[in-house]
Amino acid sequence: MSSPRVRIVEDDVYLDGLATTVAEVVEEWGGEVVETAPGSMTFRLGPEDHAPGGTVSWSGSGHGSVELRADPVLERPGRGRVALLALGAFGALLWLMWPFMGALVPLSWTGGVIAICVWFMARRAGTGGAATRMIRTVVAEQHAREIEEKSEG
């Protein structure tokens, strides 16, 4: 049984040249476009046939909605982020123990600084997984393309 796919929809996206933008973003992320049809593109992020991927679909011209359906693997936090959060939790525990540590008080304060730094980094990085970042990148590129085309013409 396959797991349900993640569905992300962005409204009011400039659609002219969207296929080119999606292909460029997928290539920048180290993936490849597997299939192209009018109004949709299927991609995978890796060389293997079982690599995670998804489908970007849209309809119409001008402005419209763009939908990304991706493997749930793309929305999971990476190992680095999990390790960073574990380090922050460990730092917070060290800081909580400072009254009882005696000569190791500087270590506990260092743990507190680490916990606070990790908290700030986690807040900034808490924008979703790879699929969310990918669709936001596509939307931002399309917005820039629209502004560029309006300024030229």
C-alpha atoms as a PDB file:
ATOM      1  CA  MET A   1       0.000   0.000   0.000  1.00  0.00           C
ATOM      2  CA  SER A   2       1.487   3.337  -1.020  1.00  0.00           C
ATOM      3  CA  SER A   3       1.438   6.252   1.377  1.00  0.00           C
ATOM      4  CA  PRO A   4      -0.703   9.298   0.509  1.00  0.00           C
ATOM      5  CA  ARG A   5       1.008  12.020  -1.463  1.00  0.00           C
ATOM      6  CA  VAL A   6       1.541  15.527  -0.128  1.00  0.00           C
ATOM      7  CA  ARG A   7      -0.589  18.105  -1.937  1.00  0.00           C
ATOM      8  CA  ILE A   8       0.414  21.766  -1.994  1.00  0.00           C
ATOM      9  CA  VAL A   9      -1.538  24.367  -3.975  1.00  0.00           C
ATOM     10  CA  GLU A  10      -0.380  27.909  -4.722  1.00  0.00           C
ATOM     11  CA  ASP A  11      -2.913  30.373  -6.151  1.00  0.00           C
ATOM     12  CA  ASP A  12      -2.400  33.428  -8.343  1.00  0.00           C
ATOM     13  CA  VAL A  13       0.805  32.208  -9.967  1.00  0.00           C
ATOM     14  CA  TYR A  14       2.036  33.602 -13.280  1.00  0.00           C
ATOM     15  CA  LEU A  15       1.727  30.612 -15.626  1.00  0.00           C
ATOM     16  CA  ASP A  16       3.550  31.746 -18.786  1.00  0.00           C
ATOM     17  CA  GLY A  17       6.867  29.892 -18.939  1.00  0.00           C
ATOM     18  CA  LEU A  18       6.026  27.760 -15.898  1.00  0.00           C
ATOM     19  CA  ALA A  19       7.198  24.525 -17.535  1.00  0.00           C
ATOM     20  CA  THR A  20      10.641  26.028 -18.114  1.00  0.00           C
ATOM     21  CA  THR A  21      10.837  27.276 -14.530  1.00  0.00           C
ATOM     22  CA  VAL A  22       9.815  23.915 -13.070  1.00  0.00           C
ATOM     23  CA  ALA A  23      12.393  22.110 -15.227  1.00  0.00           C
ATOM     24  CA  GLU A  24      15.127  24.550 -14.135  1.00  0.00           C
ATOM     25  CA  VAL A  25      14.254  24.222 -10.434  1.00  0.00           C
ATOM     26  CA  VAL A  26      14.129  20.420 -10.631  1.00  0.00           C
ATOM     27  CA  GLU A  27      17.530  20.434 -12.359  1.00  0.00           C
ATOM     28  CA  GLU A  28      18.975  22.808  -9.742  1.00  0.00           C
ATOM     29  CA  TRP A  29      17.808  20.385  -7.043  1.00  0.00           C
ATOM     30  CA  GLY A  30      19.653  17.522  -8.745  1.00  0.00           C
ATOM     31  CA  GLY A  31      16.562  15.891 -10.205  1.00  0.00           C
ATOM     32  CA  GLU A  32      15.187  15.226 -13.628  1.00  0.00           C
ATOM     33  CA  VAL A  33      11.908  15.704 -15.427  1.00  0.00           C
ATOM     34  CA  VAL A  34      10.516  12.261 -16.197  1.00  0.00           C
ATOM     35  CA  GLU A  35       7.402  13.127 -18.165  1.00  0.00           C
ATOM     36  CA  THR A  36       5.987  16.310 -19.651  1.00  0.00           C
ATOM     37  CA  ALA A  37       2.393  16.763 -20.747  1.00  0.00           C
ATOM     38  CA  PRO A  38       0.359  19.895 -21.432  1.00  0.00           C
ATOM     39  CA  GLY A  39      -0.285  21.381 -18.015  1.00  0.00           C
ATOM     40  CA  SER A  40       1.800  18.945 -15.971  1.00  0.00           C
ATOM     41  CA  MET A  41       5.325  17.731 -15.332  1.00  0.00           C
ATOM     42  CA  THR A  42       6.449  14.653 -13.436  1.00  0.00           C
ATOM     43  CA  PHE A  43       9.880  14.728 -11.816  1.00  0.00           C
ATOM     44  CA  ARG A  44      12.101  12.728  -9.510  1.00  0.00           C
ATOM     45  CA  LEU A  45      14.901  13.959  -7.289  1.00  0.00           C
ATOM     46  CA  GLY A  46      17.537  11.325  -7.791  1.00  0.00           C
ATOM     47  CA  PRO A  47      18.943   8.986 -10.403  1.00  0.00           C
ATOM     48  CA  GLU A  48      17.170   5.846  -9.203  1.00  0.00           C
ATOM     49  CA  ASP A  49      13.756   4.779 -10.427  1.00  0.00           C
ATOM     50  CA  HIS A  50      12.518   4.673  -6.824  1.00  0.00           C
ATOM     51  CA  ALA A  51      13.799   8.175  -5.968  1.00  0.00           C
ATOM     52  CA  PRO A  52      11.229  10.527  -4.395  1.00  0.00           C
ATOM     53  CA  GLY A  53       9.474  12.843  -6.774  1.00  0.00           C
ATOM     54  CA  GLY A  54       6.167  14.357  -7.663  1.00  0.00           C
ATOM     55  CA  THR A  55       3.978  16.053 -10.217  1.00  0.00           C
ATOM     56  CA  VAL A  56       3.453  19.764 -10.816  1.00  0.00           C
ATOM     57  CA  SER A  57       0.207  20.594 -12.619  1.00  0.00           C
ATOM     58  CA  TRP A  58      -1.493  23.778 -13.762  1.00  0.00           C
ATOM     59  CA  SER A  59      -4.121  24.882 -16.275  1.00  0.00           C
ATOM     60  CA  GLY A  60      -4.802  27.961 -18.303  1.00  0.00           C
ATOM     61  CA  SER A  61      -2.606  30.925 -19.086  1.00  0.00           C
ATOM     62  CA  GLY A  62      -1.927  34.250 -17.440  1.00  0.00           C
ATOM     63  CA  HIS A  63      -2.482  33.631 -13.730  1.00  0.00           C
ATOM     64  CA  GLY A  64      -3.824  30.510 -12.075  1.00  0.00           C
ATOM     65  CA  SER A  65      -3.253  27.781  -9.532  1.00  0.00           C
ATOM     66  CA  VAL A  66      -0.253  25.484  -9.427  1.00  0.00           C
ATOM     67  CA  GLU A  67      -0.526  22.155  -7.641  1.00  0.00           C
ATOM     68  CA  LEU A  68       2.358  20.013  -6.457  1.00  0.00           C
ATOM     69  CA  ARG A  69       1.711  16.402  -5.497  1.00  0.00           C
ATOM     70  CA  ALA A  70       4.845  14.890  -4.011  1.00  0.00           C
ATOM     71  CA  ASP A  71       6.034  11.820  -2.173  1.00  0.00           C
ATOM     72  CA  PRO A  72       5.686  12.311   1.590  1.00  0.00           C
ATOM     73  CA  VAL A  73       9.422  11.667   1.921  1.00  0.00           C
ATOM     74  CA  LEU A  74      10.022  15.171   0.553  1.00  0.00           C
ATOM     75  CA  GLU A  75       8.218  16.758   3.510  1.00  0.00           C
ATOM     76  CA  ARG A  76      10.090  14.870   6.241  1.00  0.00           C
ATOM     77  CA  PRO A  77      12.856  16.628   8.144  1.00  0.00           C
ATOM     78  CA  GLY A  78      16.358  15.565   7.172  1.00  0.00           C
ATOM     79  CA  ARG A  79      18.849  13.818   9.423  1.00  0.00           C
ATOM     80  CA  GLY A  80      20.784  17.032   9.944  1.00  0.00           C
ATOM     81  CA  ARG A  81      17.747  18.883  11.225  1.00  0.00           C
ATOM     82  CA  VAL A  82      16.828  16.048  13.597  1.00  0.00           C
ATOM     83  CA  ALA A  83      20.417  15.959  14.901  1.00  0.00           C
ATOM     84  CA  LEU A  84      20.386  19.731  15.357  1.00  0.00           C
ATOM     85  CA  LEU A  85      17.153  19.591  17.347  1.00  0.00           C
ATOM     86  CA  ALA A  86      18.540  16.768  19.511  1.00  0.00           C
ATOM     87  CA  LEU A  87      21.652  18.873  20.175  1.00  0.00           C
ATOM     88  CA  GLY A  88      19.414  21.784  21.176  1.00  0.00           C
ATOM     89  CA  ALA A  89      17.450  19.590  23.575  1.00  0.00           C
ATOM     90  CA  PHE A  90      20.693  18.319  25.108  1.00  0.00           C
ATOM     91  CA  GLY A  91      21.942  21.900  25.449  1.00  0.00           C
ATOM     92  CA  ALA A  92      18.708  22.905  27.158  1.00  0.00           C
ATOM     93  CA  LEU A  93      19.077  20.045  29.646  1.00  0.00           C
ATOM     94  CA  LEU A  94      22.641  21.101  30.403  1.00  0.00           C
ATOM     95  CA  TRP A  95      21.484  24.648  31.022  1.00  0.00           C
ATOM     96  CA  LEU A  96      18.711  23.482  33.353  1.00  0.00           C
ATOM     97  CA  MET A  97      21.291  21.585  35.402  1.00  0.00           C
ATOM     98  CA  TRP A  98      23.615  24.561  35.962  1.00  0.00           C
ATOM     99  CA  PRO A  99      22.796  25.126  39.663  1.00  0.00           C
ATOM    100  CA  PHE A 100      23.896  21.572  40.414  1.00  0.00           C
ATOM    101  CA  MET A 101      27.014  21.392  38.249  1.00  0.00           C
ATOM    102  CA  GLY A 102      29.496  23.278  40.455  1.00  0.00           C
ATOM    103  CA  ALA A 103      32.765  23.567  38.519  1.00  0.00           C
ATOM    104  CA  LEU A 104      31.033  22.700  35.220  1.00  0.00           C
ATOM    105  CA  VAL A 105      28.852  25.825  35.191  1.00  0.00           C
ATOM    106  CA  PRO A 106      30.534  27.166  31.998  1.00  0.00           C
ATOM    107  CA  LEU A 107      29.546  23.919  30.251  1.00  0.00           C
ATOM    108  CA  SER A 108      25.924  24.400  31.265  1.00  0.00           C
ATOM    109  CA  TRP A 109      25.925  28.003  30.021  1.00  0.00           C
ATOM    110  CA  THR A 110      27.430  26.803  26.738  1.00  0.00           C
ATOM    111  CA  GLY A 111      24.574  24.301  26.527  1.00  0.00           C
ATOM    112  CA  GLY A 112      22.099  27.138  27.049  1.00  0.00           C
ATOM    113  CA  VAL A 113      23.675  29.190  24.259  1.00  0.00           C
ATOM    114  CA  ILE A 114      23.540  26.156  21.952  1.00  0.00           C
ATOM    115  CA  ALA A 115      19.864  25.594  22.810  1.00  0.00           C
ATOM    116  CA  ILE A 116      18.977  29.211  22.040  1.00  0.00           C
ATOM    117  CA  CYS A 117      20.929  29.166  18.754  1.00  0.00           C
ATOM    118  CA  VAL A 118      19.230  25.949  17.687  1.00  0.00           C
ATOM    119  CA  TRP A 119      15.847  27.414  18.568  1.00  0.00           C
ATOM    120  CA  PHE A 120      16.483  30.427  16.298  1.00  0.00           C
ATOM    121  CA  MET A 121      17.767  28.212  13.489  1.00  0.00           C
ATOM    122  CA  ALA A 122      14.778  25.864  13.802  1.00  0.00           C
ATOM    123  CA  ARG A 123      12.370  28.800  13.655  1.00  0.00           C
ATOM    124  CA  ARG A 124      13.955  30.040  10.457  1.00  0.00           C
ATOM    125  CA  ALA A 125      14.114  26.600   8.867  1.00  0.00           C
ATOM    126  CA  GLY A 126      10.605  25.651   9.946  1.00  0.00           C
ATOM    127  CA  THR A 127       9.089  26.507   6.586  1.00  0.00           C
ATOM    128  CA  GLY A 128       8.216  22.966   5.613  1.00  0.00           C
ATOM    129  CA  GLY A 129      10.007  20.230   3.800  1.00  0.00           C
ATOM    130  CA  ALA A 130      11.632  20.052   0.401  1.00  0.00           C
ATOM    131  CA  ALA A 131       8.325  19.969  -1.485  1.00  0.00           C
ATOM    132  CA  THR A 132       7.151  23.182   0.173  1.00  0.00           C
ATOM    133  CA  ARG A 133      10.469  24.894  -0.510  1.00  0.00           C
ATOM    134  CA  MET A 134      10.416  23.689  -4.115  1.00  0.00           C
ATOM    135  CA  ILE A 135       6.962  25.066  -4.902  1.00  0.00           C
ATOM    136  CA  ARG A 136       7.835  28.352  -3.162  1.00  0.00           C
ATOM    137  CA  THR A 137      10.980  28.581  -5.288  1.00  0.00           C
ATOM    138  CA  VAL A 138       8.942  28.005  -8.453  1.00  0.00           C
ATOM    139  CA  VAL A 139       6.400  30.672  -7.416  1.00  0.00           C
ATOM    140  CA  ALA A 140       9.164  33.182  -6.601  1.00  0.00           C
ATOM    141  CA  GLU A 141      10.889  32.524  -9.950  1.00  0.00           C
ATOM    142  CA  GLN A 142       7.582  33.005 -11.770  1.00  0.00           C
ATOM    143  CA  HIS A 143       6.932  36.236  -9.893  1.00  0.00           C
ATOM    144  CA  ALA A 144      10.377  37.510 -10.937  1.00  0.00           C
ATOM    145  CA  ARG A 145       9.693  36.434 -14.531  1.00  0.00           C
ATOM    146  CA  GLU A 146       6.388  38.334 -14.538  1.00  0.00           C
ATOM    147  CA  ILE A 147       8.034  41.503 -13.229  1.00  0.00           C
ATOM    148  CA  GLU A 148      10.811  41.199 -15.802  1.00  0.00           C
ATOM    149  CA  GLU A 149       8.354  40.727 -18.675  1.00  0.00           C
ATOM    150  CA  LYS A 150       6.251  43.694 -17.533  1.00  0.00           C
ATOM    151  CA  SER A 151       9.295  45.941 -17.307  1.00  0.00           C
ATOM    152  CA  GLU A 152      10.459  44.934 -20.810  1.00  0.00           C
ATOM    153  CA  GLY A 153       7.103  45.390 -22.484  1.00  0.00           C
END
